[in-house]
Amino acid sequence: MTTTVWISPSATAFSCLCEPCLDRARDAGLLFSDALTAASVRGSLAVEADVTVVRCAADHEIVLRRVERPPGLPRHDDRQLQIA
């Protein structure tokens, strides 16, 4: 299982969680805070890199991909908030 993380076009640093490490921690019954610590991956990346592969401490592959931000929502429409 490969984790893919989408990165902002201007980002030069990242912080993410390795999904296989989270699964392993859950299966081992670790506390949530311990699972987050075990699965945490941080680092830096070149702003010109569109795709970068990094590895967590357990050597799982994490793919970092740059993505353009989606366009903003059109003007607010009151119907969006209605609950029927």
C-alpha atoms as a PDB file:
ATOM      1  CA  MET A   1       0.000   0.000   0.000  1.00  0.00           C
ATOM      2  CA  THR A   2       1.451   3.349  -1.052  1.00  0.00           C
ATOM      3  CA  THR A   3       0.386   6.557   0.644  1.00  0.00           C
ATOM      4  CA  THR A   4      -0.135   9.535  -1.676  1.00  0.00           C
ATOM      5  CA  VAL A   5      -0.088  13.062  -0.275  1.00  0.00           C
ATOM      6  CA  TRP A   6      -1.189  16.097  -2.285  1.00  0.00           C
ATOM      7  CA  ILE A   7       1.026  19.146  -1.773  1.00  0.00           C
ATOM      8  CA  SER A   8       0.394  22.826  -2.489  1.00  0.00           C
ATOM      9  CA  PRO A   9       2.269  24.257  -5.495  1.00  0.00           C
ATOM     10  CA  SER A  10       4.340  26.572  -3.293  1.00  0.00           C
ATOM     11  CA  ALA A  11       5.088  24.189  -0.413  1.00  0.00           C
ATOM     12  CA  THR A  12       8.710  23.564   0.527  1.00  0.00           C
ATOM     13  CA  ALA A  13       7.983  21.412   3.576  1.00  0.00           C
ATOM     14  CA  PHE A  14       5.500  18.658   4.382  1.00  0.00           C
ATOM     15  CA  SER A  15       4.108  16.764   7.335  1.00  0.00           C
ATOM     16  CA  CYS A  16       1.938  13.701   6.824  1.00  0.00           C
ATOM     17  CA  LEU A  17       1.031  10.302   8.213  1.00  0.00           C
ATOM     18  CA  CYS A  18       2.024   6.947   6.768  1.00  0.00           C
ATOM     19  CA  GLU A  19      -1.165   4.925   6.316  1.00  0.00           C
ATOM     20  CA  PRO A  20       0.474   1.461   6.609  1.00  0.00           C
ATOM     21  CA  CYS A  21       2.113   2.567   9.871  1.00  0.00           C
ATOM     22  CA  LEU A  22      -1.257   3.758  11.180  1.00  0.00           C
ATOM     23  CA  ASP A  23      -2.816   0.408  10.252  1.00  0.00           C
ATOM     24  CA  ARG A  24       0.003  -1.480  11.975  1.00  0.00           C
ATOM     25  CA  ALA A  25      -0.356   0.662  15.110  1.00  0.00           C
ATOM     26  CA  ARG A  26      -4.115   0.070  15.182  1.00  0.00           C
ATOM     27  CA  ASP A  27      -3.619  -3.685  14.790  1.00  0.00           C
ATOM     28  CA  ALA A  28      -1.067  -3.614  17.631  1.00  0.00           C
ATOM     29  CA  GLY A  29      -3.537  -1.794  19.875  1.00  0.00           C
ATOM     30  CA  LEU A  30      -1.338   1.266  20.396  1.00  0.00           C
ATOM     31  CA  LEU A  31      -2.759   4.404  21.920  1.00  0.00           C
ATOM     32  CA  PHE A  32      -3.830   6.960  19.328  1.00  0.00           C
ATOM     33  CA  SER A  33      -1.085   9.403  20.328  1.00  0.00           C
ATOM     34  CA  ASP A  34       1.555   6.663  20.016  1.00  0.00           C
ATOM     35  CA  ALA A  35       0.163   5.686  16.599  1.00  0.00           C
ATOM     36  CA  LEU A  36       0.449   9.286  15.396  1.00  0.00           C
ATOM     37  CA  THR A  37       4.038   9.501  16.600  1.00  0.00           C
ATOM     38  CA  ALA A  38       4.974   6.234  14.896  1.00  0.00           C
ATOM     39  CA  ALA A  39       3.316   7.204  11.599  1.00  0.00           C
ATOM     40  CA  SER A  40       4.477  10.831  11.392  1.00  0.00           C
ATOM     41  CA  VAL A  41       6.671  11.781   8.426  1.00  0.00           C
ATOM     42  CA  ARG A  42       8.131  15.257   7.930  1.00  0.00           C
ATOM     43  CA  GLY A  43      10.591  16.781   5.558  1.00  0.00           C
ATOM     44  CA  SER A  44      11.345  19.336   2.915  1.00  0.00           C
ATOM     45  CA  LEU A  45      11.031  19.276  -0.847  1.00  0.00           C
ATOM     46  CA  ALA A  46      12.215  21.371  -3.749  1.00  0.00           C
ATOM     47  CA  VAL A  47       9.582  23.791  -4.999  1.00  0.00           C
ATOM     48  CA  GLU A  48      10.261  22.709  -8.617  1.00  0.00           C
ATOM     49  CA  ALA A  49       9.578  18.999  -7.885  1.00  0.00           C
ATOM     50  CA  ASP A  50       6.137  17.912  -9.120  1.00  0.00           C
ATOM     51  CA  VAL A  51       6.409  14.379  -7.707  1.00  0.00           C
ATOM     52  CA  THR A  52       8.704  13.186  -4.933  1.00  0.00           C
ATOM     53  CA  VAL A  53       8.950   9.822  -3.207  1.00  0.00           C
ATOM     54  CA  VAL A  54       9.905   9.679   0.478  1.00  0.00           C
ATOM     55  CA  ARG A  55       9.969   6.817   2.974  1.00  0.00           C
ATOM     56  CA  CYS A  56       8.751   6.631   6.545  1.00  0.00           C
ATOM     57  CA  ALA A  57      10.876   5.228   9.381  1.00  0.00           C
ATOM     58  CA  ALA A  58       9.490   1.747   8.593  1.00  0.00           C
ATOM     59  CA  ASP A  59      10.525   2.151   4.925  1.00  0.00           C
ATOM     60  CA  HIS A  60       6.999   2.483   3.483  1.00  0.00           C
ATOM     61  CA  GLU A  61       6.799   4.532   0.293  1.00  0.00           C
ATOM     62  CA  ILE A  62       4.995   7.880   0.390  1.00  0.00           C
ATOM     63  CA  VAL A  63       4.390   9.731  -2.875  1.00  0.00           C
ATOM     64  CA  LEU A  64       4.173  13.522  -2.659  1.00  0.00           C
ATOM     65  CA  ARG A  65       2.377  15.126  -5.618  1.00  0.00           C
ATOM     66  CA  ARG A  66       1.852  18.799  -6.265  1.00  0.00           C
ATOM     67  CA  VAL A  67      -1.633  19.884  -7.218  1.00  0.00           C
ATOM     68  CA  GLU A  68      -3.020  23.256  -8.181  1.00  0.00           C
ATOM     69  CA  ARG A  69      -5.569  24.646  -5.794  1.00  0.00           C
ATOM     70  CA  PRO A  70      -9.143  24.230  -6.981  1.00  0.00           C
ATOM     71  CA  PRO A  71     -10.922  27.386  -8.079  1.00  0.00           C
ATOM     72  CA  GLY A  72     -12.926  29.162  -5.403  1.00  0.00           C
ATOM     73  CA  LEU A  73     -16.599  28.487  -5.028  1.00  0.00           C
ATOM     74  CA  PRO A  74     -18.917  30.716  -7.012  1.00  0.00           C
ATOM     75  CA  ARG A  75     -20.712  33.443  -5.150  1.00  0.00           C
ATOM     76  CA  HIS A  76     -22.517  32.247  -2.016  1.00  0.00           C
ATOM     77  CA  ASP A  77     -25.966  30.829  -2.638  1.00  0.00           C
ATOM     78  CA  ASP A  78     -28.348  30.663   0.348  1.00  0.00           C
ATOM     79  CA  ARG A  79     -29.784  27.398  -0.992  1.00  0.00           C
ATOM     80  CA  GLN A  80     -26.494  25.672  -0.185  1.00  0.00           C
ATOM     81  CA  LEU A  81     -27.236  25.855   3.525  1.00  0.00           C
ATOM     82  CA  GLN A  82     -30.853  24.726   3.475  1.00  0.00           C
ATOM     83  CA  ILE A  83     -31.738  21.504   5.243  1.00  0.00           C
ATOM     84  CA  ALA A  84     -34.844  19.849   3.902  1.00  0.00           C
END
